[in-house]
Amino acid sequence: MSLDRAKMRTLRVLEVVRHGPQLGSFYLERTFDAEPGQFVNVWVPGLDEKPFSISDLTATRLELSVKAVGRLSTRLLEMRSGDWVGLRGPFGRGFSIQDDSLLVAGGSGLAPVRFLAHRLAERGFAFRLAIGVKTRADLFFSEEYEKHEPMSEDGSVGGTGLVTQRVAQWIGERRPRQICAAGPEPMMLAVRALADRAEVPYELSLERYMKCGFGLCGQCCLDGAGLRVCCEGPVFRREDLEGITELGQPHRMASGRRPPG
C-alpha cells in the first residue's frame, strides 16, 4: 500500500444531496483513482473518523453515500458546500470487473454496488442489478433505481419481499458468471448459499469495526483466518471465506469484544 493513502488530506465539501430523511450523498474533489468496493476513512474534526464505501468516482468528483445512523454520519449530511473534512484512502480490495455479473445490494450496500455498476456500464459489460430495502425511505437515489424494480420488505417500492427471492429467480433463469453482493450480512449469507447451490463464483463485501484502515491494528481481523477486512477485504471471494467462523455473528465492538447474541 502506498503511504500516501494513509496520510490525512483535508478537502472542501463541494455539494451535499439529500435522498430522504436519513439518506444523502456528499461530494469531494477527486484526488485519486479507486476500484469499486474500496473505501475511504472520513474524519470530521471534533467528532470521529469512520470508513465509508465509495459510491461513485467521476472524472472530477468523489461521491460518498451515507445513511445517518450516528453522530458522524448525521453531521456529514448536515454539511454545506465549503465545509472541510479529512480523508484517508482508498483502502482495501475491490470487486472484480467481469461481464455478465449479477449485482446484489441490500440497504446501504447499494453504495459500493452503485460504483461497480457504473464501471461495468463504462466497459460495456452486461449485468443485472437486484436491490433490496426494508422500505422506500431506505432507497438511495430513488429516482434512478426505482426503474430497477427493487424489492422492499413492506411493499412500499418495487416488489414485495426479500431481494434474495429475486436473486434465486434470476439465477434459475440464467446462470451469471459471478455474483457480487454488499449489504446486511444475513442477506449476503443467503446469497452465498444460493451461489454455492448453483456453483456460481461470488464476491461479498463485509463490514467490521475498523480503526487504522490499513492493517496495523488488527481490529477488523476475521476469526479463523486472521484476514483483515481493511486489507485482504472488504471484498472477499469464496476461497477467502473458507475457514471463517464468525460470519453471521454480532460484530466485535471498539473494545474488541463480541456482544452476546
C-alpha atoms as a PDB file:
ATOM      1  CA  MET A   1       0.000   0.000   0.000  1.00  0.00           C
ATOM      2  CA  SER A   2       1.265   3.478  -0.846  1.00  0.00           C
ATOM      3  CA  LEU A   3       1.991   5.506   2.292  1.00  0.00           C
ATOM      4  CA  ASP A   4       0.239   8.455   0.628  1.00  0.00           C
ATOM      5  CA  ARG A   5      -3.061   6.641   1.105  1.00  0.00           C
ATOM      6  CA  ALA A   6      -2.591   6.610   4.868  1.00  0.00           C
ATOM      7  CA  LYS A   7      -1.942  10.357   5.056  1.00  0.00           C
ATOM      8  CA  MET A   8      -4.803  12.611   6.038  1.00  0.00           C
ATOM      9  CA  ARG A   9      -5.860  15.081   3.347  1.00  0.00           C
ATOM     10  CA  THR A  10      -8.239  17.947   4.016  1.00  0.00           C
ATOM     11  CA  LEU A  11     -10.819  18.646   1.336  1.00  0.00           C
ATOM     12  CA  ARG A  12     -13.723  21.034   0.961  1.00  0.00           C
ATOM     13  CA  VAL A  13     -17.209  19.619   0.531  1.00  0.00           C
ATOM     14  CA  LEU A  14     -18.409  20.504  -2.969  1.00  0.00           C
ATOM     15  CA  GLU A  15     -22.078  19.541  -2.575  1.00  0.00           C
ATOM     16  CA  VAL A  16     -24.496  17.574  -0.396  1.00  0.00           C
ATOM     17  CA  VAL A  17     -27.583  15.948  -1.935  1.00  0.00           C
ATOM     18  CA  ARG A  18     -30.355  14.526   0.256  1.00  0.00           C
ATOM     19  CA  HIS A  19     -32.188  11.398  -0.887  1.00  0.00           C
ATOM     20  CA  GLY A  20     -34.514  11.177   2.092  1.00  0.00           C
ATOM     21  CA  PRO A  21     -34.791  11.979   5.814  1.00  0.00           C
ATOM     22  CA  GLN A  22     -31.762   9.825   6.699  1.00  0.00           C
ATOM     23  CA  LEU A  23     -30.047   9.337   3.330  1.00  0.00           C
ATOM     24  CA  GLY A  24     -27.750  11.544   1.322  1.00  0.00           C
ATOM     25  CA  SER A  25     -24.570  11.820  -0.723  1.00  0.00           C
ATOM     26  CA  PHE A  26     -21.745  14.285  -0.378  1.00  0.00           C
ATOM     27  CA  TYR A  27     -19.167  15.142  -2.975  1.00  0.00           C
ATOM     28  CA  LEU A  28     -15.468  15.938  -2.745  1.00  0.00           C
ATOM     29  CA  GLU A  29     -12.801  16.731  -5.315  1.00  0.00           C
ATOM     30  CA  ARG A  30     -11.338  13.614  -6.882  1.00  0.00           C
ATOM     31  CA  THR A  31      -7.687  13.298  -5.836  1.00  0.00           C
ATOM     32  CA  PHE A  32      -7.045   9.589  -6.539  1.00  0.00           C
ATOM     33  CA  ASP A  33      -8.188   6.547  -8.503  1.00  0.00           C
ATOM     34  CA  ALA A  34     -10.072   3.699  -6.831  1.00  0.00           C
ATOM     35  CA  GLU A  35     -11.749   0.363  -7.525  1.00  0.00           C
ATOM     36  CA  PRO A  36     -15.417  -0.370  -6.834  1.00  0.00           C
ATOM     37  CA  GLY A  37     -15.651  -1.902  -3.378  1.00  0.00           C
ATOM     38  CA  GLN A  38     -12.780   0.077  -1.869  1.00  0.00           C
ATOM     39  CA  PHE A  39     -13.410   2.518   0.977  1.00  0.00           C
ATOM     40  CA  VAL A  40     -12.073   5.746   2.453  1.00  0.00           C
ATOM     41  CA  ASN A  41     -11.845   6.965   6.047  1.00  0.00           C
ATOM     42  CA  VAL A  42     -13.619  10.277   6.590  1.00  0.00           C
ATOM     43  CA  TRP A  43     -12.701  12.478   9.555  1.00  0.00           C
ATOM     44  CA  VAL A  44     -14.933  15.207  10.951  1.00  0.00           C
ATOM     45  CA  PRO A  45     -12.948  17.440  13.335  1.00  0.00           C
ATOM     46  CA  GLY A  46     -14.157  17.166  16.903  1.00  0.00           C
ATOM     47  CA  LEU A  47     -16.201  14.019  16.245  1.00  0.00           C
ATOM     48  CA  ASP A  48     -14.563  10.898  14.838  1.00  0.00           C
ATOM     49  CA  GLU A  49     -13.183   9.107  11.801  1.00  0.00           C
ATOM     50  CA  LYS A  50     -15.242   6.404  10.074  1.00  0.00           C
ATOM     51  CA  PRO A  51     -14.915   4.246   6.928  1.00  0.00           C
ATOM     52  CA  PHE A  52     -17.321   4.728   4.017  1.00  0.00           C
ATOM     53  CA  SER A  53     -17.577   2.826   0.750  1.00  0.00           C
ATOM     54  CA  ILE A  54     -17.104   4.861  -2.407  1.00  0.00           C
ATOM     55  CA  SER A  55     -20.413   5.086  -4.269  1.00  0.00           C
ATOM     56  CA  ASP A  56     -19.015   6.689  -7.424  1.00  0.00           C
ATOM     57  CA  LEU A  57     -15.908   8.273  -8.896  1.00  0.00           C
ATOM     58  CA  THR A  58     -16.229  10.572 -11.887  1.00  0.00           C
ATOM     59  CA  ALA A  59     -13.536  12.463 -13.755  1.00  0.00           C
ATOM     60  CA  THR A  60     -13.647  15.284 -11.200  1.00  0.00           C
ATOM     61  CA  ARG A  61     -15.611  14.178  -8.128  1.00  0.00           C
ATOM     62  CA  LEU A  62     -15.698  11.551  -5.394  1.00  0.00           C
ATOM     63  CA  GLU A  63     -19.176  10.513  -4.258  1.00  0.00           C
ATOM     64  CA  LEU A  64     -19.889   9.050  -0.824  1.00  0.00           C
ATOM     65  CA  SER A  65     -23.441   7.956   0.025  1.00  0.00           C
ATOM     66  CA  VAL A  66     -24.333   7.919   3.702  1.00  0.00           C
ATOM     67  CA  LYS A  67     -27.166   6.840   5.982  1.00  0.00           C
ATOM     68  CA  ALA A  68     -27.457   8.938   9.141  1.00  0.00           C
ATOM     69  CA  VAL A  69     -27.171   6.375  11.949  1.00  0.00           C
ATOM     70  CA  GLY A  70     -24.697   8.083  14.300  1.00  0.00           C
ATOM     71  CA  ARG A  71     -23.199  11.461  15.173  1.00  0.00           C
ATOM     72  CA  LEU A  72     -20.608  11.473  12.396  1.00  0.00           C
ATOM     73  CA  SER A  73     -22.855  10.322   9.550  1.00  0.00           C
ATOM     74  CA  THR A  74     -25.577  12.730  10.696  1.00  0.00           C
ATOM     75  CA  ARG A  75     -23.064  15.582  10.712  1.00  0.00           C
ATOM     76  CA  LEU A  76     -21.888  14.721   7.209  1.00  0.00           C
ATOM     77  CA  LEU A  77     -25.402  15.106   5.840  1.00  0.00           C
ATOM     78  CA  GLU A  78     -25.740  18.461   7.614  1.00  0.00           C
ATOM     79  CA  MET A  79     -22.645  19.864   5.908  1.00  0.00           C
ATOM     80  CA  ARG A  80     -22.723  22.576   3.290  1.00  0.00           C
ATOM     81  CA  SER A  81     -20.524  23.482   0.336  1.00  0.00           C
ATOM     82  CA  GLY A  82     -17.202  24.802   1.581  1.00  0.00           C
ATOM     83  CA  ASP A  83     -17.075  22.823   4.828  1.00  0.00           C
ATOM     84  CA  TRP A  84     -13.889  20.858   5.474  1.00  0.00           C
ATOM     85  CA  VAL A  85     -13.430  17.126   6.105  1.00  0.00           C
ATOM     86  CA  GLY A  86     -10.382  14.912   6.421  1.00  0.00           C
ATOM     87  CA  LEU A  87      -9.905  11.969   4.076  1.00  0.00           C
ATOM     88  CA  ARG A  88      -7.604   8.934   4.016  1.00  0.00           C
ATOM     89  CA  GLY A  89      -7.520   6.166   1.441  1.00  0.00           C
ATOM     90  CA  PRO A  90      -8.570   4.488  -0.722  1.00  0.00           C
ATOM     91  CA  PHE A  91      -8.099   1.256   1.202  1.00  0.00           C
ATOM     92  CA  GLY A  92      -8.833  -2.426   0.700  1.00  0.00           C
ATOM     93  CA  ARG A  93      -9.563  -4.775  -2.175  1.00  0.00           C
ATOM     94  CA  GLY A  94     -12.474  -4.184  -4.501  1.00  0.00           C
ATOM     95  CA  PHE A  95     -14.775  -6.200  -6.740  1.00  0.00           C
ATOM     96  CA  SER A  96     -13.722  -7.961  -9.932  1.00  0.00           C
ATOM     97  CA  ILE A  97     -14.900  -6.344 -13.156  1.00  0.00           C
ATOM     98  CA  GLN A  98     -16.490  -9.149 -15.208  1.00  0.00           C
ATOM     99  CA  ASP A  99     -19.046  -9.372 -17.974  1.00  0.00           C
ATOM    100  CA  ASP A 100     -22.416 -10.971 -17.145  1.00  0.00           C
ATOM    101  CA  SER A 101     -22.334 -10.223 -13.408  1.00  0.00           C
ATOM    102  CA  LEU A 102     -25.265 -10.361 -11.014  1.00  0.00           C
ATOM    103  CA  LEU A 103     -25.049  -7.463  -8.542  1.00  0.00           C
ATOM    104  CA  VAL A 104     -26.923  -7.649  -5.239  1.00  0.00           C
ATOM    105  CA  ALA A 105     -27.364  -4.615  -2.979  1.00  0.00           C
ATOM    106  CA  GLY A 106     -29.140  -4.547   0.363  1.00  0.00           C
ATOM    107  CA  GLY A 107     -29.818  -1.199   2.054  1.00  0.00           C
ATOM    108  CA  SER A 108     -26.627   0.872   2.333  1.00  0.00           C
ATOM    109  CA  GLY A 109     -24.820  -1.857   0.395  1.00  0.00           C
ATOM    110  CA  LEU A 110     -26.078  -0.027  -2.681  1.00  0.00           C
ATOM    111  CA  ALA A 111     -23.153   2.407  -2.277  1.00  0.00           C
ATOM    112  CA  PRO A 112     -20.284   0.115  -3.429  1.00  0.00           C
ATOM    113  CA  VAL A 113     -22.598  -1.767  -5.824  1.00  0.00           C
ATOM    114  CA  ARG A 114     -23.562   1.527  -7.495  1.00  0.00           C
ATOM    115  CA  PHE A 115     -19.883   2.259  -8.196  1.00  0.00           C
ATOM    116  CA  LEU A 116     -19.426  -1.258  -9.581  1.00  0.00           C
ATOM    117  CA  ALA A 117     -22.478  -0.943 -11.841  1.00  0.00           C
ATOM    118  CA  HIS A 118     -21.141   2.313 -13.275  1.00  0.00           C
ATOM    119  CA  ARG A 119     -17.733   0.762 -14.014  1.00  0.00           C
ATOM    120  CA  LEU A 120     -19.340  -2.242 -15.712  1.00  0.00           C
ATOM    121  CA  ALA A 121     -21.504   0.050 -17.833  1.00  0.00           C
ATOM    122  CA  GLU A 122     -18.478   2.136 -18.824  1.00  0.00           C
ATOM    123  CA  ARG A 123     -16.806  -1.006 -20.188  1.00  0.00           C
ATOM    124  CA  GLY A 124     -19.919  -2.160 -21.989  1.00  0.00           C
ATOM    125  CA  PHE A 125     -20.285  -5.238 -19.774  1.00  0.00           C
ATOM    126  CA  ALA A 126     -23.686  -6.810 -19.177  1.00  0.00           C
ATOM    127  CA  PHE A 127     -25.004  -7.030 -15.616  1.00  0.00           C
ATOM    128  CA  ARG A 128     -28.219  -7.423 -13.657  1.00  0.00           C
ATOM    129  CA  LEU A 129     -28.868  -5.360 -10.535  1.00  0.00           C
ATOM    130  CA  ALA A 130     -31.014  -6.697  -7.662  1.00  0.00           C
ATOM    131  CA  ILE A 131     -31.764  -4.153  -4.910  1.00  0.00           C
ATOM    132  CA  GLY A 132     -33.409  -4.851  -1.568  1.00  0.00           C
ATOM    133  CA  VAL A 133     -34.605  -2.386   1.097  1.00  0.00           C
ATOM    134  CA  LYS A 134     -36.897  -2.542   4.120  1.00  0.00           C
ATOM    135  CA  THR A 135     -38.951   0.413   2.932  1.00  0.00           C
ATOM    136  CA  ARG A 136     -38.914   3.172   0.283  1.00  0.00           C
ATOM    137  CA  ALA A 137     -37.205   5.517   2.767  1.00  0.00           C
ATOM    138  CA  ASP A 138     -34.101   3.267   2.678  1.00  0.00           C
ATOM    139  CA  LEU A 139     -33.569   3.532  -1.093  1.00  0.00           C
ATOM    140  CA  PHE A 140     -30.690   5.762  -2.185  1.00  0.00           C
ATOM    141  CA  PHE A 141     -31.130   7.619  -5.494  1.00  0.00           C
ATOM    142  CA  SER A 142     -34.766   6.513  -5.688  1.00  0.00           C
ATOM    143  CA  GLU A 143     -35.371   8.496  -8.889  1.00  0.00           C
ATOM    144  CA  GLU A 144     -32.649   6.419 -10.560  1.00  0.00           C
ATOM    145  CA  TYR A 145     -33.212   2.995  -9.013  1.00  0.00           C
ATOM    146  CA  GLU A 146     -36.998   2.673  -8.878  1.00  0.00           C
ATOM    147  CA  LYS A 147     -36.839   1.649 -12.546  1.00  0.00           C
ATOM    148  CA  HIS A 148     -34.799  -1.392 -11.463  1.00  0.00           C
ATOM    149  CA  GLU A 149     -37.856  -2.685  -9.569  1.00  0.00           C
ATOM    150  CA  PRO A 150     -36.205  -3.017  -6.139  1.00  0.00           C
ATOM    151  CA  MET A 151     -37.612  -5.445  -3.589  1.00  0.00           C
ATOM    152  CA  SER A 152     -38.976  -3.889  -0.394  1.00  0.00           C
ATOM    153  CA  GLU A 153     -39.990  -5.828   2.675  1.00  0.00           C
ATOM    154  CA  ASP A 154     -43.105  -3.686   3.209  1.00  0.00           C
ATOM    155  CA  GLY A 155     -44.053  -3.382  -0.466  1.00  0.00           C
ATOM    156  CA  SER A 156     -43.697   0.412  -0.488  1.00  0.00           C
ATOM    157  CA  VAL A 157     -41.475   0.404  -3.586  1.00  0.00           C
ATOM    158  CA  GLY A 158     -40.993  -2.184  -6.342  1.00  0.00           C
ATOM    159  CA  GLY A 159     -41.803  -5.790  -5.475  1.00  0.00           C
ATOM    160  CA  THR A 160     -42.750  -7.088  -2.047  1.00  0.00           C
ATOM    161  CA  GLY A 161     -40.357  -9.458  -0.297  1.00  0.00           C
ATOM    162  CA  LEU A 162     -36.648 -10.116   0.070  1.00  0.00           C
ATOM    163  CA  VAL A 163     -34.025  -9.388  -2.547  1.00  0.00           C
ATOM    164  CA  THR A 164     -32.832 -12.999  -2.281  1.00  0.00           C
ATOM    165  CA  GLN A 165     -36.125 -14.084  -3.856  1.00  0.00           C
ATOM    166  CA  ARG A 166     -35.179 -12.151  -6.975  1.00  0.00           C
ATOM    167  CA  VAL A 167     -31.628 -13.476  -6.883  1.00  0.00           C
ATOM    168  CA  ALA A 168     -32.908 -17.063  -6.792  1.00  0.00           C
ATOM    169  CA  GLN A 169     -35.249 -16.337  -9.699  1.00  0.00           C
ATOM    170  CA  TRP A 170     -32.562 -14.744 -11.848  1.00  0.00           C
ATOM    171  CA  ILE A 171     -30.015 -17.483 -11.162  1.00  0.00           C
ATOM    172  CA  GLY A 172     -32.634 -20.010 -12.233  1.00  0.00           C
ATOM    173  CA  GLU A 173     -33.371 -18.119 -15.434  1.00  0.00           C
ATOM    174  CA  ARG A 174     -29.740 -17.598 -16.457  1.00  0.00           C
ATOM    175  CA  ARG A 175     -26.617 -18.526 -14.558  1.00  0.00           C
ATOM    176  CA  PRO A 176     -24.345 -15.446 -14.220  1.00  0.00           C
ATOM    177  CA  ARG A 177     -20.572 -15.536 -14.482  1.00  0.00           C
ATOM    178  CA  GLN A 178     -20.245 -14.139 -10.959  1.00  0.00           C
ATOM    179  CA  ILE A 179     -22.304 -12.652  -8.127  1.00  0.00           C
ATOM    180  CA  CYS A 180     -21.176  -9.515  -6.281  1.00  0.00           C
ATOM    181  CA  ALA A 181     -23.051  -8.561  -3.117  1.00  0.00           C
ATOM    182  CA  ALA A 182     -22.993  -5.886  -0.421  1.00  0.00           C
ATOM    183  CA  GLY A 183     -25.435  -5.274   2.406  1.00  0.00           C
ATOM    184  CA  PRO A 184     -26.546  -6.836   5.692  1.00  0.00           C
ATOM    185  CA  GLU A 185     -24.568  -9.960   6.494  1.00  0.00           C
ATOM    186  CA  PRO A 186     -27.606 -12.271   6.823  1.00  0.00           C
ATOM    187  CA  MET A 187     -28.619 -11.247   3.301  1.00  0.00           C
ATOM    188  CA  MET A 188     -25.143 -11.982   1.968  1.00  0.00           C
ATOM    189  CA  LEU A 189     -25.065 -15.379   3.662  1.00  0.00           C
ATOM    190  CA  ALA A 190     -28.341 -16.201   1.914  1.00  0.00           C
ATOM    191  CA  VAL A 191     -26.835 -15.040  -1.400  1.00  0.00           C
ATOM    192  CA  ARG A 192     -23.770 -17.175  -0.671  1.00  0.00           C
ATOM    193  CA  ALA A 193     -25.957 -20.252  -0.162  1.00  0.00           C
ATOM    194  CA  LEU A 194     -27.753 -19.629  -3.466  1.00  0.00           C
ATOM    195  CA  ALA A 195     -24.436 -19.145  -5.277  1.00  0.00           C
ATOM    196  CA  ASP A 196     -22.951 -22.311  -3.779  1.00  0.00           C
ATOM    197  CA  ARG A 197     -26.015 -24.313  -4.791  1.00  0.00           C
ATOM    198  CA  ALA A 198     -25.759 -23.057  -8.365  1.00  0.00           C
ATOM    199  CA  GLU A 199     -21.920 -23.292  -8.385  1.00  0.00           C
ATOM    200  CA  VAL A 200     -21.544 -19.608  -9.231  1.00  0.00           C
ATOM    201  CA  PRO A 201     -18.408 -17.734  -8.057  1.00  0.00           C
ATOM    202  CA  TYR A 202     -19.199 -14.875  -5.691  1.00  0.00           C
ATOM    203  CA  GLU A 203     -17.659 -11.856  -4.015  1.00  0.00           C
ATOM    204  CA  LEU A 204     -19.057 -10.431  -0.757  1.00  0.00           C
ATOM    205  CA  SER A 205     -18.277  -7.028   0.755  1.00  0.00           C
ATOM    206  CA  LEU A 206     -18.007  -7.434   4.538  1.00  0.00           C
ATOM    207  CA  GLU A 207     -18.179  -4.765   7.238  1.00  0.00           C
ATOM    208  CA  ARG A 208     -16.352  -4.780  10.566  1.00  0.00           C
ATOM    209  CA  TYR A 209     -15.312  -2.189  13.151  1.00  0.00           C
ATOM    210  CA  MET A 210     -12.154  -0.512  11.827  1.00  0.00           C
ATOM    211  CA  LYS A 211      -9.615   1.791  13.406  1.00  0.00           C
ATOM    212  CA  CYS A 212      -6.485   2.347  11.303  1.00  0.00           C
ATOM    213  CA  GLY A 213      -7.861   1.277   7.917  1.00  0.00           C
ATOM    214  CA  PHE A 214      -4.593  -0.190   6.627  1.00  0.00           C
ATOM    215  CA  GLY A 215      -3.863  -3.334   8.608  1.00  0.00           C
ATOM    216  CA  LEU A 216      -1.753  -2.288  11.587  1.00  0.00           C
ATOM    217  CA  CYS A 217      -4.181  -2.537  14.485  1.00  0.00           C
ATOM    218  CA  GLY A 218      -5.822  -5.872  13.675  1.00  0.00           C
ATOM    219  CA  GLN A 219      -9.189  -4.655  14.949  1.00  0.00           C
ATOM    220  CA  CYS A 220     -11.057  -5.944  11.878  1.00  0.00           C
ATOM    221  CA  CYS A 221      -9.477  -9.425  11.681  1.00  0.00           C
ATOM    222  CA  LEU A 222     -11.846 -12.286  10.871  1.00  0.00           C
ATOM    223  CA  ASP A 223     -11.864 -15.230  13.264  1.00  0.00           C
ATOM    224  CA  GLY A 224     -10.358 -18.438  11.975  1.00  0.00           C
ATOM    225  CA  ALA A 225      -8.143 -16.920   9.303  1.00  0.00           C
ATOM    226  CA  GLY A 226      -6.643 -13.657  10.518  1.00  0.00           C
ATOM    227  CA  LEU A 227      -7.758 -11.888   7.357  1.00  0.00           C
ATOM    228  CA  ARG A 228      -8.067  -8.137   7.811  1.00  0.00           C
ATOM    229  CA  VAL A 229     -11.221  -6.631   6.339  1.00  0.00           C
ATOM    230  CA  CYS A 230      -9.402  -3.364   5.655  1.00  0.00           C
ATOM    231  CA  CYS A 231      -6.609  -5.029   3.621  1.00  0.00           C
ATOM    232  CA  GLU A 232      -7.493  -8.511   2.360  1.00  0.00           C
ATOM    233  CA  GLY A 233     -11.102  -7.241   2.086  1.00  0.00           C
ATOM    234  CA  PRO A 234     -13.541  -5.667   2.344  1.00  0.00           C
ATOM    235  CA  VAL A 235     -14.428  -7.743  -0.742  1.00  0.00           C
ATOM    236  CA  PHE A 236     -13.851 -11.462  -0.198  1.00  0.00           C
ATOM    237  CA  ARG A 237     -14.174 -14.356  -2.656  1.00  0.00           C
ATOM    238  CA  ARG A 238     -15.440 -17.877  -1.989  1.00  0.00           C
ATOM    239  CA  GLU A 239     -11.950 -19.271  -1.376  1.00  0.00           C
ATOM    240  CA  ASP A 240     -11.140 -16.436   1.062  1.00  0.00           C
ATOM    241  CA  LEU A 241     -14.093 -17.271   3.299  1.00  0.00           C
ATOM    242  CA  GLU A 242     -13.267 -20.941   3.808  1.00  0.00           C
ATOM    243  CA  GLY A 243     -12.478 -21.421   7.498  1.00  0.00           C
ATOM    244  CA  ILE A 244     -14.063 -18.143   8.640  1.00  0.00           C
ATOM    245  CA  THR A 245     -16.000 -18.938  11.815  1.00  0.00           C
ATOM    246  CA  GLU A 246     -17.735 -15.642  12.613  1.00  0.00           C
ATOM    247  CA  LEU A 247     -19.984 -14.979   9.628  1.00  0.00           C
ATOM    248  CA  GLY A 248     -23.477 -14.092  10.761  1.00  0.00           C
ATOM    249  CA  GLN A 249     -22.397 -13.430  14.366  1.00  0.00           C
ATOM    250  CA  PRO A 250     -22.572 -10.000  16.080  1.00  0.00           C
ATOM    251  CA  HIS A 251     -19.573  -7.890  15.079  1.00  0.00           C
ATOM    252  CA  ARG A 252     -16.818  -7.007  17.523  1.00  0.00           C
ATOM    253  CA  MET A 253     -17.105  -3.604  19.194  1.00  0.00           C
ATOM    254  CA  ALA A 254     -14.419  -0.939  19.664  1.00  0.00           C
ATOM    255  CA  SER A 255     -13.144  -2.853  22.714  1.00  0.00           C
ATOM    256  CA  GLY A 256     -12.532  -5.945  20.581  1.00  0.00           C
ATOM    257  CA  ARG A 257     -15.226  -7.906  22.410  1.00  0.00           C
ATOM    258  CA  ARG A 258     -18.111  -9.547  20.600  1.00  0.00           C
ATOM    259  CA  PRO A 259     -21.551  -8.665  22.008  1.00  0.00           C
ATOM    260  CA  PRO A 260     -23.796 -11.567  23.027  1.00  0.00           C
ATOM    261  CA  GLY A 261     -26.459 -12.752  20.609  1.00  0.00           C
END
